[in-house]
């Protein structure tokens, strides 16, 4: 992930970060369901979505500790 994308995440507030994390989780869930029912999942995109969720969760933890 580019530094500009990371800094854009850092500028967002807690609610926006939570919404992004939930959106990523929903994407993973839909991918798992598609893999189970249709035989095609997210493929390599699944890895990037999981990592994005981890980045967001890390930022949320940092912001919580900063308070």
N, C-alpha and C. Protein backbone atom coordinates (compact mmCIF):
# COMPACT_ATOMS: atom_id res chain seq x y z
N UNK A 1 0.85 -1.17 0.00
CA UNK A 1 0.00 0.00 0.00
C UNK A 1 0.89 1.23 0.00
N UNK A 2 0.53 2.21 -0.80
CA UNK A 2 1.33 3.42 -0.91
C UNK A 2 1.18 4.27 0.35
N UNK A 3 2.20 5.09 0.59
CA UNK A 3 2.16 5.96 1.77
C UNK A 3 1.00 6.93 1.72
N UNK A 4 0.64 7.39 0.52
CA UNK A 4 -0.48 8.33 0.42
C UNK A 4 -1.79 7.67 0.84
N UNK A 5 -1.94 6.38 0.53
CA UNK A 5 -3.16 5.68 0.93
C UNK A 5 -3.18 5.47 2.44
N UNK A 6 -2.01 5.18 3.02
CA UNK A 6 -1.94 5.01 4.47
C UNK A 6 -2.23 6.33 5.17
N UNK A 7 -1.70 7.42 4.65
CA UNK A 7 -1.96 8.71 5.29
C UNK A 7 -3.42 9.11 5.13
N UNK A 8 -4.04 8.71 4.03
CA UNK A 8 -5.46 8.99 3.85
C UNK A 8 -6.29 8.24 4.90
N UNK A 9 -5.87 7.02 5.22
CA UNK A 9 -6.57 6.27 6.26
C UNK A 9 -6.38 6.94 7.62
N UNK A 10 -5.17 7.43 7.88
CA UNK A 10 -4.89 8.06 9.17
C UNK A 10 -5.72 9.33 9.38
N UNK A 11 -6.06 10.01 8.30
CA UNK A 11 -6.82 11.26 8.40
C UNK A 11 -8.30 11.02 8.70
N UNK A 12 -8.80 9.82 8.46
CA UNK A 12 -10.21 9.54 8.66
C UNK A 12 -10.53 9.41 10.14
N UNK A 13 -11.78 9.71 10.47
CA UNK A 13 -12.20 9.60 11.87
C UNK A 13 -12.55 8.15 12.19
N UNK A 14 -12.84 7.89 13.45
CA UNK A 14 -13.08 6.54 13.93
C UNK A 14 -14.30 5.91 13.26
N UNK A 15 -15.37 6.67 13.10
CA UNK A 15 -16.58 6.13 12.50
C UNK A 15 -16.35 5.72 11.05
N UNK A 16 -15.62 6.52 10.31
CA UNK A 16 -15.33 6.19 8.91
C UNK A 16 -14.46 4.94 8.81
N UNK A 17 -13.50 4.81 9.74
CA UNK A 17 -12.65 3.62 9.74
C UNK A 17 -13.45 2.37 10.07
N UNK A 18 -14.35 2.49 11.03
CA UNK A 18 -15.20 1.33 11.38
C UNK A 18 -16.07 0.93 10.19
N UNK A 19 -16.59 1.92 9.48
CA UNK A 19 -17.42 1.62 8.31
C UNK A 19 -16.61 0.90 7.24
N UNK A 20 -15.36 1.33 7.03
CA UNK A 20 -14.50 0.67 6.05
C UNK A 20 -14.18 -0.76 6.46
N UNK A 21 -13.94 -0.97 7.75
CA UNK A 21 -13.65 -2.32 8.24
C UNK A 21 -14.86 -3.23 8.06
N UNK A 22 -16.03 -2.72 8.37
CA UNK A 22 -17.26 -3.51 8.20
C UNK A 22 -17.51 -3.83 6.73
N UNK A 23 -17.22 -2.88 5.87
CA UNK A 23 -17.38 -3.10 4.43
C UNK A 23 -16.42 -4.20 3.95
N UNK A 24 -15.21 -4.19 4.45
CA UNK A 24 -14.25 -5.22 4.09
C UNK A 24 -14.67 -6.60 4.59
N UNK A 25 -15.18 -6.64 5.81
CA UNK A 25 -15.66 -7.92 6.36
C UNK A 25 -16.83 -8.46 5.55
N UNK A 26 -17.69 -7.56 5.13
CA UNK A 26 -18.83 -7.96 4.32
C UNK A 26 -18.36 -8.51 2.96
N UNK A 27 -17.34 -7.88 2.39
CA UNK A 27 -16.78 -8.36 1.13
C UNK A 27 -16.21 -9.77 1.29
N UNK A 28 -15.48 -10.00 2.39
CA UNK A 28 -14.93 -11.33 2.65
C UNK A 28 -16.03 -12.36 2.81
N UNK A 29 -17.08 -11.99 3.54
CA UNK A 29 -18.19 -12.91 3.76
C UNK A 29 -18.87 -13.28 2.44
N UNK A 30 -19.13 -12.28 1.62
CA UNK A 30 -19.77 -12.54 0.33
C UNK A 30 -18.87 -13.41 -0.55
N UNK A 31 -17.57 -13.20 -0.47
CA UNK A 31 -16.64 -14.02 -1.24
C UNK A 31 -16.65 -15.47 -0.78
N UNK A 32 -16.73 -15.68 0.54
CA UNK A 32 -16.80 -17.05 1.06
C UNK A 32 -18.10 -17.72 0.64
N UNK A 33 -19.19 -16.98 0.68
CA UNK A 33 -20.47 -17.55 0.27
C UNK A 33 -20.47 -17.87 -1.23
N UNK A 34 -19.88 -16.99 -2.03
CA UNK A 34 -19.81 -17.24 -3.47
C UNK A 34 -18.95 -18.47 -3.76
N UNK A 35 -17.89 -18.64 -3.01
CA UNK A 35 -17.02 -19.81 -3.20
C UNK A 35 -17.76 -21.09 -2.83
N UNK A 36 -18.57 -21.03 -1.80
CA UNK A 36 -19.28 -22.22 -1.36
C UNK A 36 -20.43 -22.58 -2.29
N UNK A 37 -21.10 -21.58 -2.82
CA UNK A 37 -22.29 -21.86 -3.62
C UNK A 37 -22.00 -21.93 -5.12
N UNK A 38 -21.19 -21.03 -5.62
CA UNK A 38 -20.95 -20.95 -7.06
C UNK A 38 -19.60 -21.52 -7.47
N UNK A 39 -18.73 -21.75 -6.51
CA UNK A 39 -17.42 -22.29 -6.84
C UNK A 39 -16.39 -21.25 -7.22
N UNK A 40 -16.75 -19.97 -7.13
CA UNK A 40 -15.77 -18.92 -7.43
C UNK A 40 -15.77 -17.91 -6.30
N UNK A 41 -14.62 -17.68 -5.75
CA UNK A 41 -14.50 -16.75 -4.63
C UNK A 41 -13.77 -15.49 -5.04
N UNK A 42 -13.13 -14.86 -4.08
CA UNK A 42 -12.42 -13.62 -4.33
C UNK A 42 -11.04 -13.84 -4.95
N UNK A 43 -10.48 -15.01 -4.72
CA UNK A 43 -9.15 -15.28 -5.25
C UNK A 43 -8.09 -14.49 -4.49
N UNK A 44 -7.19 -13.88 -5.22
CA UNK A 44 -6.07 -13.16 -4.61
C UNK A 44 -6.53 -11.87 -3.93
N UNK A 45 -7.70 -11.36 -4.32
CA UNK A 45 -8.22 -10.13 -3.70
C UNK A 45 -8.52 -10.34 -2.22
N UNK A 46 -8.80 -11.59 -1.84
CA UNK A 46 -9.11 -11.89 -0.45
C UNK A 46 -7.94 -11.50 0.46
N UNK A 47 -6.74 -11.75 0.02
CA UNK A 47 -5.55 -11.42 0.81
C UNK A 47 -5.44 -9.92 1.04
N UNK A 48 -5.65 -9.14 -0.01
CA UNK A 48 -5.53 -7.68 0.13
C UNK A 48 -6.64 -7.11 1.01
N UNK A 49 -7.83 -7.69 0.94
CA UNK A 49 -8.93 -7.21 1.78
C UNK A 49 -8.64 -7.51 3.25
N UNK A 50 -8.13 -8.72 3.53
CA UNK A 50 -7.78 -9.06 4.91
C UNK A 50 -6.71 -8.12 5.46
N UNK A 51 -5.73 -7.81 4.64
CA UNK A 51 -4.66 -6.90 5.09
C UNK A 51 -5.18 -5.48 5.31
N UNK A 52 -6.08 -5.05 4.45
CA UNK A 52 -6.68 -3.73 4.62
C UNK A 52 -7.46 -3.65 5.93
N UNK A 53 -8.20 -4.70 6.25
CA UNK A 53 -8.94 -4.74 7.51
C UNK A 53 -7.97 -4.67 8.68
N UNK A 54 -6.86 -5.38 8.58
CA UNK A 54 -5.86 -5.37 9.65
C UNK A 54 -5.26 -3.97 9.83
N UNK A 55 -4.99 -3.28 8.73
CA UNK A 55 -4.47 -1.91 8.81
C UNK A 55 -5.47 -1.00 9.52
N UNK A 56 -6.72 -1.13 9.16
CA UNK A 56 -7.76 -0.29 9.75
C UNK A 56 -7.89 -0.58 11.24
N UNK A 57 -7.90 -1.86 11.61
CA UNK A 57 -8.00 -2.23 13.02
C UNK A 57 -6.80 -1.70 13.81
N UNK A 58 -5.63 -1.72 13.21
CA UNK A 58 -4.44 -1.17 13.87
C UNK A 58 -4.60 0.32 14.12
N UNK A 59 -5.09 1.03 13.12
CA UNK A 59 -5.32 2.47 13.29
C UNK A 59 -6.36 2.76 14.37
N UNK A 60 -7.41 1.94 14.41
CA UNK A 60 -8.43 2.13 15.44
C UNK A 60 -7.84 1.92 16.84
N UNK A 61 -6.98 0.93 16.97
CA UNK A 61 -6.34 0.67 18.27
C UNK A 61 -5.42 1.82 18.65
N UNK A 62 -4.65 2.33 17.68
CA UNK A 62 -3.77 3.46 17.97
C UNK A 62 -4.56 4.69 18.40
N UNK A 63 -5.67 4.93 17.74
CA UNK A 63 -6.49 6.11 18.09
C UNK A 63 -7.12 5.93 19.47
N UNK A 64 -7.49 4.70 19.81
CA UNK A 64 -8.07 4.44 21.14
C UNK A 64 -7.03 4.64 22.23
N UNK A 65 -5.81 4.21 21.99
CA UNK A 65 -4.76 4.37 22.99
C UNK A 65 -4.31 5.82 23.13
N UNK A 66 -4.48 6.60 22.09
CA UNK A 66 -4.07 8.00 22.12
C UNK A 66 -4.98 8.86 23.00
N UNK A 67 -6.19 8.37 23.24
CA UNK A 67 -7.13 9.15 24.05
C UNK A 67 -6.84 9.04 25.51
